[in-house]
Amino acid sequence: MLREILPQEAVEAVERERALLIRIREFAEACEPGGDGSARIDELIDHLDEMFLLVVVGEVKAGKSSFINALLREDVCPEGPLPLTDRVHVLAWGEKSGEEEISPQVVRRTLPIDALQRLNVVDTPGTNSPLKRHQEITESFLPRADIVFFVTSIDCPLTQTELQLLCHIRDRWKKEVACVLAKVDMHPEADRGVVLEYLGDSFREYLGFSPPVFPVSAQLARKADDDGDEALMEASGMLAVERYIIENLSENQRLLLKLKSPLGTADDVLSGFDAALLTHLQELERDFAGWKTIAEQADFAATSLRERSERHIAPIRVVFENLEARGRAFLRESFRLRNLRLVADPARFREAFNRDVTRQAAEEVEQRVEDAARWLGGETHALWERALAHFHKTVPVERYQNEILSGVGPKFEQTRDETLERLVADARRGLDGWSVEGECQRIRQLASRSLGRLLGTEAAAVGVGAAVVAALGVTVAGVVGVLLAIAAAAGGFFMLPARRQKAVEGFESGVRATRDAVLEAVRDAIGTEADRAAAAVVDAFAPFHDFYELRRRKHSEQRSTALALREEVRSVRESLE
């Protein structure tokens, strides 16, 4: 309808704004499918095709209906002591009187009144009504207004609830406002001046703007119209209202207001999404911080385990020190003449050496490795427990019982608490499968394989102790070779201290090489297993990280889009100023 009476240039301006509103609607629908935001933008798009809307609002019994009747010089709105308007009535021009229901809350009435040919006048239910739905109906329609005539009664001008409504109209929806001070004929002239001054001061102080204020007596206007009394009509204040409409709501001015009107509401919708997205980003950042702490703690735990493992590895060194002392004593005793037959028999020598020296050491090494493995197994189990406890502490699942997280925007598709509980359950299953015995077995295998590589012996496959025995067997074989060579020589030569010392030193060198290999293998096994445990904890919660990082990225992108659209709205609005 509007395009039928606008010049081409104006139509193009309307279409440019329509394209912007359509993009905003698409954004709102992507953020909140089927939500209130996209519905509000749809109304604004439809509003671009409507005639200019002059919306009259005010509290119950402020005098709205009387003002409209005086403005149109027809009794089109019922008047009475009780609230009579329970729906929005859009008064439009028509050759014949008629009525059409636009929605359950909005009725369009056509009237053959010339004043309605260039604009529609809207009568709204009274605000601050005993019936709450009256206020809700009025506030739901106000975003469509092109200009608002706010009616307040001289009996009780500008109440607190009126100030609140005006604040919404001006600040939230960015509407042009004119104020009508009704029923001025019921008070002396002096009172009128005091009230007008009060209104001006209050508007500036509480609302930050000064709308035009028109003192009006609808009763005098109706009497003047009936009597054809122009002086009385002037005194009623209605001519001032008519002049304001004619002078300030020319065709160009109405078009500017028509184009500016949706922008305030569009900005309000975008502002709501921006605030919601910012809130979700802040929540996600707090939760992500909890995840980062888990990852940092796990990494630190792996380093700490390596450092603290030294005191659990130290007993293995003691075992080799004792082994070396026993072997030294055994060898020195074997170099005596009375033991020549033992030295001359390699089989007997090895059996005695194993019985008196190495067997005990192999068992003790196995036990000390077992002790270190059990310690590490307990520590990694505790790391899992701490990670789960930290997760529950830093991610307040119960706070999100009704909040959704899986989709995009302020409302989502999958409940957040269900997602978090699933992640916790996965982590718990990992913890339940984490047995100390399993960890010990893994560490023994790692140590034996590592020791096998270091010593080049297959015995590592059956355990650290077996690898120790095999390694020392090589050392003992070398010592036996020395002893046999000595036995074949002269008896006096056999007793040479230098020869005896050489055999002992060969044994000590072999023991120390074996000791270093065992310690390195155990360190390597513990370090590998500590790293694996930390990585397992991090991996268990990795879906949590990926999930929230994805949502954070989407929210950030959507917020950037909201801010860019708000900037476009601001730019268009400034171009219309």
Protein backbone atom coordinates (compact mmCIF):
# COMPACT_ATOMS: atom_id res chain seq x y z
CA MET A 1 0.00 0.00 0.00
CA LEU A 2 2.78 2.43 0.94
CA ARG A 3 4.60 1.93 -2.37
CA GLU A 4 1.49 3.06 -4.26
CA ILE A 5 1.80 6.62 -2.89
CA LEU A 6 5.61 7.01 -2.67
CA PRO A 7 7.94 8.38 -5.37
CA GLN A 8 10.47 5.95 -6.91
CA GLU A 9 13.41 7.31 -4.91
CA ALA A 10 11.53 6.74 -1.66
CA VAL A 11 10.56 3.23 -2.74
CA GLU A 12 14.23 2.43 -3.36
CA ALA A 13 15.12 3.68 0.14
CA VAL A 14 12.43 1.43 1.60
CA GLU A 15 13.76 -1.55 -0.35
CA ARG A 16 17.33 -0.96 0.84
CA GLU A 17 16.12 -0.98 4.41
CA ARG A 18 14.01 -4.06 3.74
CA ALA A 19 17.13 -5.90 2.49
CA LEU A 20 18.96 -4.99 5.71
CA LEU A 21 16.04 -6.19 7.84
CA ILE A 22 15.90 -9.46 5.91
CA ARG A 23 19.58 -10.08 6.70
CA ILE A 24 18.92 -9.33 10.36
CA ARG A 25 15.99 -11.75 10.32
CA GLU A 26 18.17 -14.47 8.79
CA PHE A 27 20.76 -13.88 11.51
CA ALA A 28 18.08 -14.02 14.25
CA GLU A 29 16.64 -17.22 12.81
CA ALA A 30 20.09 -18.83 12.68
CA CYS A 31 20.71 -17.91 16.31
CA GLU A 32 17.28 -18.80 17.62
CA PRO A 33 15.19 -20.83 15.16
CA GLY A 34 11.52 -19.94 15.49
CA GLY A 35 12.32 -17.47 18.27
CA ASP A 36 10.91 -14.11 19.25
CA GLY A 37 13.72 -12.17 17.58
CA SER A 38 12.99 -13.31 14.03
CA ALA A 39 9.24 -12.84 14.64
CA ARG A 40 9.81 -9.24 15.71
CA ILE A 41 11.89 -8.53 12.61
CA ASP A 42 9.18 -10.11 10.42
CA GLU A 43 6.72 -7.59 11.87
CA LEU A 44 9.12 -4.74 11.03
CA ILE A 45 9.45 -5.95 7.44
CA ASP A 46 5.66 -6.08 7.11
CA HIS A 47 5.47 -2.65 8.72
CA LEU A 48 7.47 -1.11 5.86
CA ASP A 49 4.46 -1.71 3.59
CA GLU A 50 1.99 -0.14 6.02
CA MET A 51 0.82 3.43 6.17
CA PHE A 52 2.47 5.77 8.64
CA LEU A 53 1.42 4.74 12.17
CA LEU A 54 0.65 7.41 14.76
CA VAL A 55 0.27 5.37 17.93
CA VAL A 56 -1.50 6.81 20.96
CA VAL A 57 -0.50 5.34 24.32
CA GLY A 58 -1.11 6.18 27.95
CA GLU A 59 -2.28 4.78 31.22
CA VAL A 60 -5.82 3.68 31.92
CA LYS A 61 -8.23 6.65 31.97
CA ALA A 62 -5.51 9.13 30.97
CA GLY A 63 -7.77 10.35 28.14
CA LYS A 64 -6.45 8.50 25.07
CA SER A 65 -9.82 7.69 23.50
CA SER A 66 -11.10 11.23 24.06
CA PHE A 67 -7.95 12.64 22.45
CA ILE A 68 -8.33 10.41 19.37
CA ASN A 69 -11.98 11.34 18.99
CA ALA A 70 -11.09 15.03 19.19
CA LEU A 71 -8.20 14.59 16.75
CA LEU A 72 -10.37 12.83 14.15
CA ARG A 73 -13.44 14.93 15.07
CA GLU A 74 -15.52 11.75 15.18
CA ASP A 75 -16.67 9.45 17.96
CA VAL A 76 -14.61 6.48 16.80
CA CYS A 77 -13.33 5.27 20.17
CA PRO A 78 -15.64 4.39 23.07
CA GLU A 79 -15.27 6.47 26.22
CA GLY A 80 -16.30 5.51 29.75
CA PRO A 81 -15.27 5.17 33.41
CA LEU A 82 -13.84 1.66 32.89
CA PRO A 83 -11.09 0.33 30.55
CA LEU A 84 -12.95 -0.25 27.27
CA THR A 85 -10.10 -0.95 24.85
CA ASP A 86 -8.73 -4.49 25.19
CA ARG A 87 -7.15 -4.75 21.74
CA VAL A 88 -5.05 -2.56 19.48
CA HIS A 89 -7.29 -0.68 17.03
CA VAL A 90 -5.62 0.53 13.82
CA LEU A 91 -7.81 3.30 12.41
CA ALA A 92 -7.33 3.54 8.63
CA TRP A 93 -9.08 5.31 5.79
CA GLY A 94 -11.78 3.52 3.87
CA GLU A 95 -14.73 4.52 1.72
CA LYS A 96 -16.97 2.59 4.08
CA SER A 97 -16.73 1.76 7.75
CA GLY A 98 -15.54 -1.78 8.39
CA GLU A 99 -13.58 -3.96 10.71
CA GLU A 100 -11.02 -6.72 10.12
CA GLU A 101 -9.19 -8.85 12.67
CA ILE A 102 -5.48 -8.83 11.85
CA SER A 103 -4.56 -10.99 14.83
CA PRO A 104 -6.14 -11.89 18.20
CA GLN A 105 -4.66 -8.66 19.59
CA VAL A 106 -4.99 -6.30 16.58
CA VAL A 107 -8.10 -5.03 14.78
CA ARG A 108 -8.02 -2.85 11.66
CA ARG A 109 -10.97 -0.48 11.34
CA THR A 110 -11.64 1.46 8.16
CA LEU A 111 -13.36 4.84 8.41
CA PRO A 112 -14.26 7.47 5.79
CA ILE A 113 -12.29 10.19 7.59
CA ASP A 114 -10.05 12.42 5.47
CA ALA A 115 -7.40 12.75 8.18
CA LEU A 116 -6.70 9.03 7.82
CA GLN A 117 -5.76 9.17 4.13
CA ARG A 118 -2.07 9.87 4.83
CA LEU A 119 -1.60 8.16 8.18
CA ASN A 120 -3.16 5.57 10.43
CA VAL A 121 -4.03 6.38 14.02
CA VAL A 122 -3.67 3.56 16.52
CA ASP A 123 -5.61 3.29 19.77
CA THR A 124 -3.97 0.98 22.33
CA PRO A 125 -5.15 -0.62 25.59
CA GLY A 126 -4.27 1.42 28.66
CA THR A 127 -0.99 0.69 30.40
CA ASN A 128 -0.77 0.20 34.18
CA SER A 129 -4.09 -1.61 33.84
CA PRO A 130 -5.45 -4.08 36.39
CA LEU A 131 -5.42 -6.49 33.45
CA LYS A 132 -1.77 -7.32 32.83
CA ARG A 133 -2.41 -8.46 29.27
CA HIS A 134 -3.49 -4.92 28.32
CA GLN A 135 0.02 -3.66 29.05
CA GLU A 136 1.57 -6.62 27.25
CA ILE A 137 -0.57 -6.05 24.14
CA THR A 138 0.38 -2.38 24.02
CA GLU A 139 4.10 -3.00 24.53
CA SER A 140 4.15 -5.72 21.86
CA PHE A 141 2.72 -3.28 19.29
CA LEU A 142 4.83 -0.24 20.16
CA PRO A 143 7.93 -1.34 18.16
CA ARG A 144 5.83 -0.86 14.99
CA ALA A 145 5.00 2.77 15.78
CA ASP A 146 6.39 5.54 13.57
CA ILE A 147 5.59 8.23 16.12
CA VAL A 148 4.11 7.93 19.59
CA PHE A 149 1.68 10.41 21.09
CA PHE A 150 1.98 9.83 24.82
CA VAL A 151 -1.12 10.93 26.77
CA THR A 152 -0.80 11.81 30.45
CA SER A 153 -3.52 13.35 32.61
CA ILE A 154 -3.11 16.67 34.42
CA ASP A 155 -4.76 14.91 37.39
CA CYS A 156 -1.64 12.75 37.90
CA PRO A 157 1.03 13.76 35.39
CA LEU A 158 4.00 11.54 34.54
CA THR A 159 3.81 8.74 37.09
CA GLN A 160 6.69 6.36 37.75
CA THR A 161 5.16 3.69 35.51
CA GLU A 162 4.69 6.28 32.75
CA LEU A 163 8.35 7.24 33.02
CA GLN A 164 9.35 3.59 32.67
CA LEU A 165 7.21 3.16 29.57
CA LEU A 166 8.58 6.36 28.03
CA CYS A 167 12.10 5.14 28.70
CA HIS A 168 11.36 1.95 26.74
CA ILE A 169 9.79 3.92 23.90
CA ARG A 170 12.68 6.32 23.57
CA ASP A 171 15.77 4.37 24.62
CA ARG A 172 14.92 0.81 23.66
CA TRP A 173 12.84 1.34 20.53
CA LYS A 174 14.21 4.79 19.55
CA LYS A 175 10.75 6.21 18.75
CA GLU A 176 9.83 9.84 18.15
CA VAL A 177 7.59 11.04 20.96
CA ALA A 178 5.08 13.87 21.42
CA CYS A 179 3.33 14.36 24.75
CA VAL A 180 -0.33 15.26 25.26
CA LEU A 181 -1.35 16.73 28.63
CA ALA A 182 -5.04 15.81 28.78
CA LYS A 183 -8.01 17.16 30.76
CA VAL A 184 -6.46 20.60 31.26
CA ASP A 185 -9.94 22.18 31.38
CA MET A 186 -10.46 20.50 34.78
CA HIS A 187 -7.79 22.66 36.47
CA PRO A 188 -7.04 26.39 36.72
CA GLU A 189 -4.67 28.05 34.27
CA ALA A 190 -2.05 28.47 37.00
CA ASP A 191 -1.98 24.73 37.65
CA ARG A 192 -1.47 24.09 33.95
CA GLY A 193 1.69 26.22 33.92
CA VAL A 194 3.12 24.44 36.97
CA VAL A 195 2.46 21.01 35.46
CA LEU A 196 3.99 21.97 32.11
CA GLU A 197 7.14 23.14 33.88
CA TYR A 198 7.24 19.92 35.89
CA LEU A 199 6.90 17.83 32.73
CA GLY A 200 9.72 19.69 30.98
CA ASP A 201 12.06 19.31 33.96
CA SER A 202 11.19 15.63 34.39
CA PHE A 203 11.71 14.80 30.73
CA ARG A 204 15.16 16.39 30.76
CA GLU A 205 16.20 14.93 34.11
CA TYR A 206 14.89 11.38 33.81
CA LEU A 207 14.70 10.77 30.08
CA GLY A 208 17.33 13.08 28.64
CA PHE A 209 15.14 14.63 25.96
CA SER A 210 12.39 17.23 25.68
CA PRO A 211 9.45 16.16 23.52
CA PRO A 212 6.84 18.74 22.51
CA VAL A 213 4.03 18.92 25.09
CA PHE A 214 0.48 19.84 24.05
CA PRO A 215 -2.01 20.80 26.79
CA VAL A 216 -5.36 19.60 25.44
CA SER A 217 -9.01 19.60 26.44
CA ALA A 218 -10.87 17.05 24.36
CA GLN A 219 -14.18 18.20 25.80
CA LEU A 220 -13.60 21.80 24.68
CA ALA A 221 -12.47 20.56 21.27
CA ARG A 222 -15.65 18.53 20.77
CA LYS A 223 -17.81 21.47 21.85
CA ALA A 224 -15.89 23.83 19.57
CA ASP A 225 -16.32 21.43 16.64
CA ASP A 226 -20.05 21.10 17.31
CA ASP A 227 -20.44 24.91 17.58
CA GLY A 228 -18.00 25.79 14.82
CA ASP A 229 -16.13 27.99 17.31
CA GLU A 230 -12.53 28.44 16.07
CA ALA A 231 -11.48 30.48 19.12
CA LEU A 232 -12.69 27.74 21.43
CA MET A 233 -10.93 25.14 19.24
CA GLU A 234 -7.70 27.11 19.62
CA ALA A 235 -8.23 27.26 23.36
CA SER A 236 -8.75 23.49 23.49
CA GLY A 237 -5.19 22.93 22.26
CA MET A 238 -6.22 20.63 19.40
CA LEU A 239 -5.30 23.12 16.68
CA ALA A 240 -1.73 23.13 18.01
CA VAL A 241 -1.69 19.34 17.69
CA GLU A 242 -3.04 19.53 14.15
CA ARG A 243 -0.47 22.14 13.17
CA TYR A 244 2.31 19.98 14.60
CA ILE A 245 1.13 17.02 12.57
CA ILE A 246 0.85 19.08 9.38
CA GLU A 247 4.16 20.91 9.80
CA ASN A 248 6.29 18.14 11.27
CA LEU A 249 4.74 15.09 9.66
CA SER A 250 4.96 16.14 6.04
CA GLU A 251 5.30 13.42 3.44
CA ASN A 252 9.11 13.51 3.57
CA GLN A 253 9.17 13.65 7.35
CA ARG A 254 6.73 10.75 7.60
CA LEU A 255 8.93 8.74 5.25
CA LEU A 256 12.01 9.47 7.35
CA LEU A 257 10.19 8.43 10.50
CA LYS A 258 8.84 5.36 8.72
CA LEU A 259 12.39 4.35 7.78
CA LYS A 260 13.86 5.21 11.19
CA SER A 261 11.13 3.44 13.14
CA PRO A 262 12.14 -0.19 12.46
CA LEU A 263 15.82 0.54 13.05
CA GLY A 264 15.40 1.12 16.76
CA THR A 265 13.63 -2.19 17.23
CA ALA A 266 16.10 -4.00 14.97
CA ASP A 267 18.95 -2.62 17.07
CA ASP A 268 17.14 -3.76 20.21
CA VAL A 269 16.83 -7.30 18.80
CA LEU A 270 20.51 -7.36 17.83
CA SER A 271 21.47 -5.95 21.22
CA GLY A 272 19.61 -8.82 22.89
CA PHE A 273 21.49 -11.40 20.83
CA ASP A 274 24.77 -9.63 21.49
CA ALA A 275 24.18 -9.69 25.25
CA ALA A 276 23.13 -13.35 25.20
CA LEU A 277 26.12 -14.37 23.10
CA LEU A 278 28.48 -12.42 25.35
CA THR A 279 27.04 -14.21 28.39
CA HIS A 280 27.56 -17.60 26.75
CA LEU A 281 31.10 -16.67 25.74
CA GLN A 282 31.91 -15.71 29.32
CA GLU A 283 30.47 -18.98 30.63
CA LEU A 284 32.38 -20.96 28.03
CA GLU A 285 35.58 -19.12 28.89
CA ARG A 286 35.17 -20.05 32.56
CA ASP A 287 34.61 -23.69 31.63
CA PHE A 288 37.48 -23.66 29.15
CA ALA A 289 39.72 -22.26 31.86
CA GLY A 290 38.84 -25.35 33.92
CA TRP A 291 39.82 -27.58 31.02
CA LYS A 292 43.14 -25.76 30.59
CA THR A 293 43.85 -26.31 34.29
CA ILE A 294 43.31 -30.05 33.86
CA ALA A 295 45.72 -30.14 30.91
CA GLU A 296 48.30 -28.04 32.76
CA GLN A 297 48.01 -30.17 35.89
CA ALA A 298 48.41 -33.38 33.90
CA ASP A 299 51.52 -32.05 32.16
CA PHE A 300 52.98 -30.88 35.46
CA ALA A 301 52.11 -34.22 37.06
CA ALA A 302 54.13 -36.10 34.42
CA THR A 303 57.19 -33.91 35.11
CA SER A 304 56.70 -34.21 38.86
CA LEU A 305 56.40 -38.00 38.65
CA ARG A 306 59.73 -38.26 36.84
CA GLU A 307 61.39 -36.09 39.49
CA ARG A 308 59.84 -37.91 42.44
CA SER A 309 60.51 -41.32 40.92
CA GLU A 310 64.23 -40.97 41.77
CA ARG A 311 63.63 -41.77 45.40
CA HIS A 312 61.80 -44.95 44.31
CA ILE A 313 64.60 -45.84 41.92
CA ALA A 314 67.30 -45.24 44.57
CA PRO A 315 66.66 -48.62 46.33
CA ILE A 316 67.63 -50.36 43.07
CA ARG A 317 71.02 -48.65 43.22
CA VAL A 318 71.41 -49.94 46.80
CA VAL A 319 70.69 -53.48 45.57
CA PHE A 320 73.59 -53.21 43.10
CA GLU A 321 75.88 -51.70 45.73
CA ASN A 322 75.19 -54.74 47.94
CA LEU A 323 75.63 -57.03 44.94
CA GLU A 324 78.99 -55.47 44.18
CA ALA A 325 80.13 -55.86 47.78
CA ARG A 326 79.07 -59.53 47.89
CA GLY A 327 80.68 -60.25 44.53
CA ARG A 328 83.91 -58.55 45.52
CA ALA A 329 84.10 -60.62 48.70
CA PHE A 330 83.25 -63.84 46.80
CA LEU A 331 85.90 -63.27 44.18
CA ARG A 332 88.62 -62.37 46.63
CA GLU A 333 87.87 -65.51 48.59
CA SER A 334 87.89 -67.58 45.38
CA PHE A 335 91.43 -66.45 44.53
CA ARG A 336 92.85 -68.30 47.47
CA LEU A 337 94.80 -71.56 46.90
CA ARG A 338 92.35 -73.57 48.96
CA ASN A 339 89.63 -72.71 46.43
CA LEU A 340 91.66 -73.63 43.37
CA ARG A 341 89.39 -76.61 42.56
CA LEU A 342 86.33 -74.27 42.57
CA VAL A 343 88.03 -71.83 40.23
CA ALA A 344 89.13 -74.65 37.94
CA ASP A 345 85.52 -75.85 37.53
CA PRO A 346 83.47 -73.21 35.67
CA ALA A 347 80.16 -74.97 36.29
CA ARG A 348 80.71 -75.18 40.04
CA PHE A 349 81.98 -71.58 40.06
CA ARG A 350 78.90 -70.27 38.28
CA GLU A 351 76.57 -72.22 40.56
CA ALA A 352 78.28 -70.88 43.68
CA PHE A 353 78.38 -67.33 42.31
CA ASN A 354 74.68 -67.45 41.44
CA ARG A 355 73.80 -68.92 44.85
CA ASP A 356 75.88 -66.54 46.92
CA VAL A 357 75.81 -63.34 44.83
CA THR A 358 73.41 -62.88 41.89
CA ARG A 359 70.25 -64.80 42.80
CA GLN A 360 69.48 -62.58 45.76
CA ALA A 361 70.21 -59.46 43.71
CA ALA A 362 67.89 -60.51 40.87
CA GLU A 363 65.02 -61.07 43.30
CA GLU A 364 65.66 -57.76 45.04
CA VAL A 365 65.80 -55.85 41.73
CA GLU A 366 62.48 -57.37 40.69
CA GLN A 367 60.96 -56.35 44.03
CA ARG A 368 62.29 -52.80 43.86
CA VAL A 369 60.98 -52.39 40.30
CA GLU A 370 57.65 -53.76 41.52
CA ASP A 371 57.64 -51.21 44.34
CA ALA A 372 58.37 -48.34 41.93
CA ALA A 373 55.69 -49.58 39.55
CA ARG A 374 53.10 -49.78 42.33
CA TRP A 375 53.97 -46.29 43.45
CA LEU A 376 53.54 -44.93 39.93
CA GLY A 377 50.31 -46.85 39.46
CA GLY A 378 48.91 -45.30 42.61
CA GLU A 379 50.03 -41.84 41.57
CA THR A 380 48.43 -42.09 38.12
CA HIS A 381 45.22 -43.37 39.67
CA ALA A 382 45.25 -40.36 42.00
CA LEU A 383 45.83 -38.08 39.00
CA TRP A 384 42.62 -39.39 37.43
CA GLU A 385 40.74 -38.83 40.66
CA ARG A 386 42.02 -35.25 40.93
CA ALA A 387 41.15 -34.52 37.31
CA LEU A 388 37.57 -35.75 37.78
CA ALA A 389 37.18 -33.85 41.04
CA HIS A 390 38.54 -30.68 39.42
CA PHE A 391 36.17 -31.12 36.47
CA HIS A 392 33.16 -31.35 38.76
CA LYS A 393 34.37 -28.38 40.77
CA THR A 394 35.08 -26.07 37.84
CA VAL A 395 32.14 -27.03 35.61
CA PRO A 396 28.91 -26.42 37.57
CA VAL A 397 26.77 -28.97 35.74
CA GLU A 398 23.78 -28.49 38.03
CA ARG A 399 23.59 -24.81 37.09
CA TYR A 400 22.76 -25.74 33.51
CA GLN A 401 19.86 -28.13 34.03
CA ASN A 402 17.70 -26.23 31.53
CA GLU A 403 20.39 -24.63 29.40
CA ILE A 404 21.18 -25.95 25.96
CA LEU A 405 24.63 -26.06 24.41
CA SER A 406 24.91 -28.16 21.29
CA GLY A 407 23.45 -25.79 18.70
CA VAL A 408 24.27 -22.15 18.02
CA GLY A 409 23.10 -18.89 19.56
CA PRO A 410 21.20 -18.15 22.76
CA LYS A 411 19.16 -21.38 22.44
CA PHE A 412 20.70 -24.67 21.45
CA GLU A 413 19.79 -28.22 20.48
CA GLN A 414 21.34 -30.54 23.07
CA THR A 415 21.26 -30.02 26.80
CA ARG A 416 24.56 -29.01 28.28
CA ASP A 417 24.25 -31.07 31.41
CA GLU A 418 23.64 -34.24 29.34
CA THR A 419 26.79 -33.54 27.35
CA LEU A 420 28.89 -32.93 30.45
CA GLU A 421 27.54 -36.01 32.20
CA ARG A 422 28.44 -38.10 29.15
CA LEU A 423 31.98 -36.76 29.19
CA VAL A 424 32.31 -37.44 32.91
CA ALA A 425 31.00 -40.97 32.39
CA ASP A 426 33.60 -41.59 29.68
CA ALA A 427 36.34 -40.33 31.96
CA ARG A 428 35.03 -42.42 34.83
CA ARG A 429 35.14 -45.54 32.66
CA GLY A 430 38.76 -44.74 31.89
CA LEU A 431 39.48 -44.43 35.60
CA ASP A 432 37.71 -47.68 36.41
CA GLY A 433 39.84 -49.48 33.83
CA TRP A 434 43.02 -48.03 35.31
CA SER A 435 44.33 -50.74 37.64
CA VAL A 436 47.53 -50.56 39.65
CA GLU A 437 48.33 -54.17 38.66
CA GLY A 438 47.98 -53.24 35.02
CA GLU A 439 50.31 -50.30 35.49
CA CYS A 440 52.88 -52.47 37.25
CA GLN A 441 52.80 -54.99 34.42
CA ARG A 442 53.22 -52.24 31.82
CA ILE A 443 56.17 -50.71 33.68
CA ARG A 444 57.90 -54.13 34.11
CA GLN A 445 57.48 -54.82 30.41
CA LEU A 446 58.73 -51.36 29.44
CA ALA A 447 61.74 -51.72 31.74
CA SER A 448 62.62 -55.23 30.54
CA ARG A 449 62.35 -54.24 26.86
CA SER A 450 64.45 -51.15 27.45
CA LEU A 451 67.01 -53.18 29.40
CA GLY A 452 67.09 -55.78 26.65
CA ARG A 453 67.94 -53.09 24.13
CA LEU A 454 70.65 -51.68 26.36
CA LEU A 455 72.23 -55.06 27.19
CA GLY A 456 71.49 -56.86 23.92
CA THR A 457 69.98 -59.84 25.70
CA GLU A 458 66.83 -61.84 25.03
CA ALA A 459 66.45 -62.52 28.75
CA ALA A 460 64.83 -59.08 29.08
CA ALA A 461 61.64 -60.58 27.73
CA VAL A 462 61.06 -62.54 30.95
CA GLY A 463 61.76 -59.73 33.39
CA VAL A 464 64.27 -57.28 34.78
CA GLY A 465 65.73 -59.83 37.20
CA ALA A 466 66.36 -62.32 34.39
CA ALA A 467 68.03 -59.59 32.37
CA VAL A 468 70.26 -58.78 35.35
CA VAL A 469 71.25 -62.44 35.72
CA ALA A 470 71.97 -62.72 32.01
CA ALA A 471 74.07 -59.57 32.00
CA LEU A 472 76.02 -60.60 35.07
CA GLY A 473 76.51 -64.04 33.52
CA VAL A 474 78.58 -62.42 30.81
CA THR A 475 80.61 -60.66 33.44
CA VAL A 476 81.11 -63.85 35.45
CA ALA A 477 82.18 -65.73 32.30
CA GLY A 478 84.89 -63.18 31.80
CA VAL A 479 86.04 -63.50 35.39
CA VAL A 480 86.10 -67.33 35.12
CA GLY A 481 88.23 -67.05 32.02
CA VAL A 482 90.73 -64.98 33.96
CA LEU A 483 90.73 -67.46 36.83
CA LEU A 484 91.29 -70.45 34.55
CA ALA A 485 94.22 -68.72 32.96
CA ILE A 486 95.64 -68.07 36.38
CA ALA A 487 95.10 -71.67 37.51
CA ALA A 488 97.10 -72.92 34.55
CA ALA A 489 100.07 -70.82 35.59
CA ALA A 490 102.44 -71.33 38.45
CA GLY A 491 100.95 -71.33 41.92
CA GLY A 492 102.95 -68.31 43.00
CA PHE A 493 101.79 -66.37 40.00
CA PHE A 494 98.18 -67.25 40.88
CA MET A 495 98.58 -65.40 44.14
CA LEU A 496 99.76 -62.15 42.55
CA PRO A 497 97.66 -59.30 43.90
CA ALA A 498 97.66 -57.50 40.56
CA ARG A 499 96.05 -60.46 38.81
CA ARG A 500 93.54 -60.87 41.54
CA GLN A 501 92.70 -57.15 41.45
CA LYS A 502 92.21 -57.25 37.68
CA ALA A 503 89.57 -59.96 38.00
CA VAL A 504 87.74 -58.06 40.76
CA GLU A 505 87.80 -54.84 38.74
CA GLY A 506 86.37 -56.62 35.73
CA PHE A 507 83.49 -57.87 37.85
CA GLU A 508 82.87 -54.43 39.38
CA SER A 509 82.87 -52.82 35.94
CA GLY A 510 80.30 -55.33 34.70
CA VAL A 511 78.09 -54.82 37.77
CA ARG A 512 78.16 -51.05 37.38
CA ALA A 513 77.36 -51.22 33.67
CA THR A 514 74.46 -53.51 34.47
CA ARG A 515 73.35 -51.21 37.28
CA ASP A 516 73.41 -48.14 35.03
CA ALA A 517 71.49 -50.01 32.34
CA VAL A 518 68.85 -51.14 34.84
CA LEU A 519 68.45 -47.65 36.33
CA GLU A 520 68.17 -46.09 32.89
CA ALA A 521 65.64 -48.70 31.82
CA VAL A 522 63.49 -48.16 34.90
CA ARG A 523 63.70 -44.36 34.54
CA ASP A 524 62.71 -44.67 30.91
CA ALA A 525 59.79 -46.96 31.77
CA ILE A 526 58.53 -44.67 34.54
CA GLY A 527 58.90 -41.55 32.36
CA THR A 528 57.11 -43.20 29.44
CA GLU A 529 54.30 -44.41 31.66
CA ALA A 530 53.98 -41.01 33.40
CA ASP A 531 53.67 -39.32 30.01
CA ARG A 532 51.14 -41.92 28.90
CA ALA A 533 49.07 -41.41 32.05
CA ALA A 534 49.04 -37.62 31.63
CA ALA A 535 48.12 -37.95 27.95
CA ALA A 536 45.32 -40.40 28.84
CA VAL A 537 43.83 -37.92 31.31
CA VAL A 538 44.03 -35.08 28.78
CA ASP A 539 42.55 -37.26 26.04
CA ALA A 540 39.69 -38.34 28.27
CA PHE A 541 38.60 -34.71 28.58
CA ALA A 542 39.57 -33.71 25.04
CA PRO A 543 35.93 -33.97 23.81
CA PHE A 544 35.07 -31.39 26.46
CA HIS A 545 37.73 -29.07 25.05
CA ASP A 546 36.74 -29.66 21.43
CA PHE A 547 33.04 -29.24 22.21
CA TYR A 548 33.42 -25.92 23.99
CA GLU A 549 36.08 -24.60 21.65
CA LEU A 550 33.71 -25.18 18.74
CA ARG A 551 30.88 -23.38 20.57
CA ARG A 552 33.21 -20.54 21.56
CA ARG A 553 34.25 -20.05 17.96
CA LYS A 554 30.64 -20.08 16.74
CA HIS A 555 29.50 -17.65 19.43
CA SER A 556 32.40 -15.33 18.64
CA GLU A 557 31.57 -15.35 14.93
CA GLN A 558 27.89 -14.74 15.64
CA ARG A 559 28.69 -11.91 18.00
CA SER A 560 30.91 -10.32 15.35
CA THR A 561 28.00 -10.58 12.91
CA ALA A 562 25.62 -9.00 15.44
CA LEU A 563 28.03 -6.12 16.04
CA ALA A 564 28.53 -5.58 12.30
CA LEU A 565 24.76 -5.53 11.72
CA ARG A 566 24.31 -3.08 14.60
CA GLU A 567 26.90 -0.82 13.00
CA GLU A 568 24.99 -0.97 9.72
CA VAL A 569 21.77 -0.09 11.52
CA ARG A 570 23.48 2.84 13.23
CA SER A 571 24.92 4.06 9.94
CA VAL A 572 21.54 3.93 8.20
CA ARG A 573 19.88 5.68 11.12
CA GLU A 574 22.48 8.46 11.06
CA SER A 575 21.93 8.93 7.33
CA LEU A 576 18.25 9.55 8.05
CA GLU A 577 18.85 12.16 10.75
